[in-house]
N, C-alpha and C. Protein backbone atom coordinates (compact mmCIF):
# COMPACT_ATOMS: atom_id res chain seq x y z
N UNK A 1 84.74 121.91 -14.15
CA UNK A 1 83.47 122.42 -14.00
C UNK A 1 83.95 123.37 -12.76
N UNK A 2 83.86 124.47 -12.63
CA UNK A 2 83.92 125.75 -11.18
C UNK A 2 83.02 125.19 -10.22
N UNK A 3 83.30 124.70 -8.52
CA UNK A 3 82.68 124.54 -7.84
C UNK A 3 83.13 125.70 -6.89
N UNK A 4 82.45 126.65 -6.46
CA UNK A 4 82.34 127.69 -5.50
C UNK A 4 81.88 127.48 -4.08
N UNK A 5 83.13 128.03 -3.08
CA UNK A 5 83.30 127.67 -2.06
C UNK A 5 83.24 129.07 -1.11
N UNK A 6 82.90 129.40 -0.17
CA UNK A 6 82.38 130.65 0.33
C UNK A 6 83.36 130.66 1.98
N UNK A 7 84.41 129.82 2.17
CA UNK A 7 85.29 129.37 2.99
C UNK A 7 86.84 129.55 2.45
N UNK A 8 87.90 129.80 3.42
CA UNK A 8 89.51 129.67 2.89
C UNK A 8 89.55 128.39 2.14
N UNK A 9 89.13 127.59 2.77
CA UNK A 9 89.17 126.15 2.11
C UNK A 9 88.30 125.10 2.89
N UNK A 10 88.30 124.02 1.92
CA UNK A 10 87.84 122.75 2.27
C UNK A 10 88.21 121.42 2.60
N UNK A 11 88.17 120.47 3.20
CA UNK A 11 88.80 119.00 3.42
C UNK A 11 87.96 118.48 1.89
N UNK A 12 88.72 117.60 1.47
CA UNK A 12 88.68 116.54 0.66
C UNK A 12 87.31 116.02 0.46
N UNK A 13 87.07 115.11 1.63
CA UNK A 13 86.04 114.29 1.62
C UNK A 13 84.27 115.48 1.85
N UNK A 14 84.66 116.19 2.68
CA UNK A 14 83.44 117.57 2.31
C UNK A 14 83.09 118.01 0.96
N UNK A 15 84.23 118.29 0.49
CA UNK A 15 84.18 118.74 -1.13
C UNK A 15 83.28 117.79 -2.00
N UNK A 16 83.88 116.29 -1.67
CA UNK A 16 83.08 115.42 -2.47
C UNK A 16 81.26 115.18 -2.27
N UNK A 17 81.25 115.47 -0.98
CA UNK A 17 79.80 115.59 -0.72
C UNK A 17 79.14 116.92 -0.96
N UNK A 18 79.88 118.18 -0.58
CA UNK A 18 79.47 119.34 -0.83
C UNK A 18 79.09 119.70 -2.43
N UNK A 19 79.93 118.85 -3.55
CA UNK A 19 80.04 119.00 -5.44
C UNK A 19 78.99 118.02 -5.22
N UNK A 20 78.33 117.17 -4.55
CA UNK A 20 77.59 115.75 -4.99
C UNK A 20 78.19 115.15 -5.34
N UNK A 21 79.01 115.00 -5.52
CA UNK A 21 80.03 113.57 -6.03
C UNK A 21 79.80 112.41 -5.20
N UNK A 22 79.51 112.43 -3.99
CA UNK A 22 79.18 111.22 -3.13
C UNK A 22 77.98 111.86 -1.79
N UNK A 23 77.12 110.81 -2.38
CA UNK A 23 75.86 111.17 -1.47
C UNK A 23 76.12 111.07 -0.05
N UNK A 24 77.39 110.33 0.53
CA UNK A 24 77.62 110.32 2.37
C UNK A 24 78.90 110.51 2.43
N UNK A 25 79.31 110.40 3.43
CA UNK A 25 80.78 110.85 3.80
C UNK A 25 81.19 109.42 3.71
N UNK A 26 80.54 108.29 4.05
CA UNK A 26 81.14 107.05 3.87
C UNK A 26 81.68 106.62 2.20
N UNK A 27 80.66 106.99 1.44
CA UNK A 27 81.00 106.85 0.18
C UNK A 27 82.26 107.61 -0.46
N UNK A 28 82.56 108.89 0.30
CA UNK A 28 83.34 109.68 0.00
C UNK A 28 84.89 109.38 0.45
N UNK A 29 84.81 108.52 1.74
CA UNK A 29 86.08 107.94 2.14
C UNK A 29 86.30 106.92 1.38
N UNK A 30 85.31 105.76 1.31
CA UNK A 30 85.82 104.81 0.14
C UNK A 30 86.46 105.38 -0.97
N UNK A 31 85.83 106.27 -1.95
CA UNK A 31 86.25 107.11 -3.32
C UNK A 31 87.57 107.37 -3.01
N UNK A 32 87.87 107.94 -1.68
CA UNK A 32 89.40 108.53 -1.13
C UNK A 32 90.40 107.25 -1.37
N UNK A 33 90.04 106.20 -0.44
CA UNK A 33 90.95 105.48 -0.04
C UNK A 33 91.09 104.24 -1.04
N UNK A 34 90.15 104.31 -1.86
CA UNK A 34 90.62 103.64 -3.12
C UNK A 34 91.25 104.35 -4.00
N UNK A 35 91.86 105.27 -3.87
CA UNK A 35 92.62 105.90 -5.24
C UNK A 35 91.78 106.48 -6.25
N UNK A 36 90.50 106.95 -6.11
CA UNK A 36 89.74 106.99 -7.27
C UNK A 36 90.04 108.62 -7.37
N UNK A 37 90.32 109.39 -6.52
CA UNK A 37 90.79 110.77 -6.30
C UNK A 37 91.92 111.57 -6.91
N UNK A 38 91.82 112.10 -7.90
CA UNK A 38 93.04 112.91 -7.81
C UNK A 38 93.03 114.26 -7.46
N UNK A 39 94.43 115.11 -6.81
CA UNK A 39 94.28 116.48 -6.46
C UNK A 39 95.07 117.31 -7.04
N UNK A 40 94.95 117.89 -7.79
CA UNK A 40 96.14 118.51 -8.77
C UNK A 40 96.63 117.37 -9.86
N UNK A 41 96.26 116.75 -9.93
CA UNK A 41 96.93 115.70 -10.84
C UNK A 41 97.70 114.51 -10.38
N UNK A 42 97.51 114.45 -9.19
CA UNK A 42 97.82 113.20 -8.31
C UNK A 42 97.16 112.64 -7.68
N UNK A 43 96.96 111.15 -7.31
CA UNK A 43 96.21 110.58 -6.56
C UNK A 43 96.21 111.29 -5.19
N UNK A 44 95.26 111.14 -4.41
CA UNK A 44 95.18 111.94 -3.29
C UNK A 44 94.21 110.66 -2.32
N UNK A 45 95.03 110.31 -1.28
CA UNK A 45 94.54 109.30 -0.35
C UNK A 45 94.11 109.93 1.22
N UNK A 46 94.41 111.28 1.44
CA UNK A 46 94.20 111.95 2.53
C UNK A 46 92.80 112.69 2.34
N UNK A 47 91.68 111.80 3.49
CA UNK A 47 90.06 112.01 3.68
C UNK A 47 90.37 114.13 3.84
N UNK A 48 91.13 114.30 4.65
CA UNK A 48 91.05 115.76 5.47
C UNK A 48 91.95 116.66 4.69
N UNK A 49 92.45 116.51 3.57
CA UNK A 49 93.34 117.25 2.50
C UNK A 49 92.44 118.60 2.41
N UNK A 50 93.36 119.79 2.91
CA UNK A 50 92.54 120.73 2.27
C UNK A 50 92.82 121.16 1.47
N UNK A 51 91.42 121.50 0.85
CA UNK A 51 91.58 122.16 -1.17
C UNK A 51 91.63 123.61 -0.78
N UNK A 52 92.65 124.02 -1.49
CA UNK A 52 92.01 126.08 -1.79
C UNK A 52 91.82 126.28 -2.81
N UNK A 53 91.40 127.51 -2.91
CA UNK A 53 91.02 127.96 -4.26
C UNK A 53 92.11 127.76 -5.25
N UNK A 54 91.94 127.48 -6.56
CA UNK A 54 92.70 126.70 -7.57
C UNK A 54 92.97 125.34 -7.86
N UNK A 55 92.68 124.81 -6.55
CA UNK A 55 93.09 123.40 -6.88
C UNK A 55 91.84 123.10 -7.60
N UNK A 56 92.42 121.79 -7.82
CA UNK A 56 91.75 120.74 -8.78
C UNK A 56 91.43 119.51 -8.45
N UNK A 57 89.91 118.80 -8.41
CA UNK A 57 89.68 117.68 -8.10
C UNK A 57 89.41 116.95 -8.96
N UNK A 58 90.10 115.69 -9.66
CA UNK A 58 89.31 115.14 -10.81
C UNK A 58 88.72 113.53 -9.74
N UNK A 59 87.87 113.45 -10.48
CA UNK A 59 86.93 112.11 -9.86
C UNK A 59 86.05 111.84 -10.67
N UNK A 60 86.13 110.20 -11.00
CA UNK A 60 85.30 110.05 -12.53
C UNK A 60 85.44 110.36 -13.72
N UNK A 61 86.72 110.97 -14.04
CA UNK A 61 87.14 111.23 -15.14
C UNK A 61 86.86 112.92 -15.50
N UNK A 62 86.36 113.57 -14.64
CA UNK A 62 85.65 114.98 -14.49
C UNK A 62 86.64 115.90 -13.68
N UNK A 63 87.05 117.22 -14.07
CA UNK A 63 87.70 118.17 -13.39
C UNK A 63 87.01 118.93 -12.43
N UNK A 64 87.13 119.21 -11.55
CA UNK A 64 86.23 120.09 -10.44
C UNK A 64 87.18 121.20 -10.25
N UNK A 65 87.18 122.44 -9.91
CA UNK A 65 88.34 123.51 -10.06
C UNK A 65 87.50 124.64 -8.89
N UNK A 66 88.31 124.49 -7.52
CA UNK A 66 88.02 125.56 -6.47
C UNK A 66 87.86 126.97 -6.79
N UNK A 67 86.84 127.69 -6.80
CA UNK A 67 86.79 128.49 -7.36
C UNK A 67 85.93 129.86 -5.61
N UNK A 68 86.78 130.86 -5.32
CA UNK A 68 85.68 131.70 -4.81
C UNK A 68 84.82 132.78 -4.90
C-alpha cells in the first residue's frame, strides 16, 4: 500500500501514527523497540529513522511504501 507524504521525509514513529498503524506515540515506540517494524527489509529499532520516498515499511505482515 502506498502512503503519500507532503514533506521530504517522515520519522518512523510519526509514520506509524500518520498511517494509522499505531494509535499513539507510545504504541509506535513499543512496536519499534520490540523489533516489530522492518524498513526496506531489515528490522529497524530507531524511532527517529528518517523515511524518504521509495522506502518501504513492513508492519504486521503488510508493506507500506512512501510516495510523494
